[in-house]
Amino acid sequence: MPKSSKKTEGFHSAAGLIRYFDAEEDVAIKINPWVVVGICVGLSAVVLIITALFPT
């Protein structure tokens, strides 16, 4: 394969990905990253409390 066709092939595929993610961003739910961290910490605490209260 010639070197020039390899170089342009990557650019076209990257441009398609950028266009896809730009279109997806308009309809996506936006959540603050700290909310996700808080949910993870809270869920971990709930699991630890339940395992402490009801040992197997």
Protein backbone atom coordinates (compact mmCIF):
# COMPACT_ATOMS: atom_id res chain seq x y z
CA MET A 1 0.00 0.00 0.00
CA PRO A 2 1.44 3.42 -0.87
CA LYS A 3 2.43 5.58 2.04
CA SER A 4 0.18 8.51 1.03
CA SER A 5 -3.03 6.42 1.08
CA LYS A 6 -2.28 5.16 4.60
CA LYS A 7 -1.83 8.70 5.86
CA THR A 8 -5.16 9.96 4.50
CA GLU A 9 -7.04 6.84 5.63
CA GLY A 10 -6.43 7.61 9.30
CA PHE A 11 -7.56 11.19 8.90
CA HIS A 12 -10.87 10.20 7.33
CA SER A 13 -11.67 7.66 10.03
CA ALA A 14 -10.75 10.15 12.77
CA ALA A 15 -12.95 12.79 11.17
CA GLY A 16 -15.85 10.35 11.19
CA LEU A 17 -15.39 9.65 14.89
CA ILE A 18 -15.25 13.34 15.71
CA ARG A 19 -18.43 13.96 13.74
CA TYR A 20 -20.15 11.02 15.51
CA PHE A 21 -19.24 12.22 19.00
CA ASP A 22 -20.25 15.82 18.19
CA ALA A 23 -23.69 14.61 17.11
CA GLU A 24 -24.03 12.35 20.15
CA GLU A 25 -23.14 15.14 22.56
CA ASP A 26 -26.30 17.12 21.77
CA VAL A 27 -28.68 14.46 23.09
CA ALA A 28 -26.56 12.96 25.88
CA ILE A 29 -27.38 13.42 29.54
CA LYS A 30 -24.81 15.66 31.18
CA ILE A 31 -23.76 14.56 34.68
CA ASN A 32 -21.15 16.28 36.79
CA PRO A 33 -18.22 13.89 37.42
CA TRP A 34 -18.38 14.59 41.15
CA VAL A 35 -21.95 13.28 41.21
CA VAL A 36 -20.70 9.97 39.82
CA VAL A 37 -17.93 9.86 42.44
CA GLY A 38 -20.45 10.61 45.18
CA ILE A 39 -22.79 7.86 43.99
CA CYS A 40 -19.91 5.36 43.95
CA VAL A 41 -18.79 6.32 47.46
CA GLY A 42 -22.36 6.22 48.76
CA LEU A 43 -23.06 2.83 47.21
CA SER A 44 -19.82 1.46 48.63
CA ALA A 45 -20.79 2.70 52.08
CA VAL A 46 -24.21 1.06 51.81
CA VAL A 47 -22.64 -2.26 50.81
CA LEU A 48 -20.16 -2.09 53.69
CA ILE A 49 -22.90 -1.28 56.21
CA ILE A 50 -25.12 -4.10 54.97
CA THR A 51 -22.26 -6.61 55.13
CA ALA A 52 -21.43 -5.45 58.67
CA LEU A 53 -25.05 -5.76 59.84
CA PHE A 54 -25.77 -9.11 58.17
CA PRO A 55 -22.63 -11.24 58.22
CA THR A 56 -22.86 -14.59 56.47
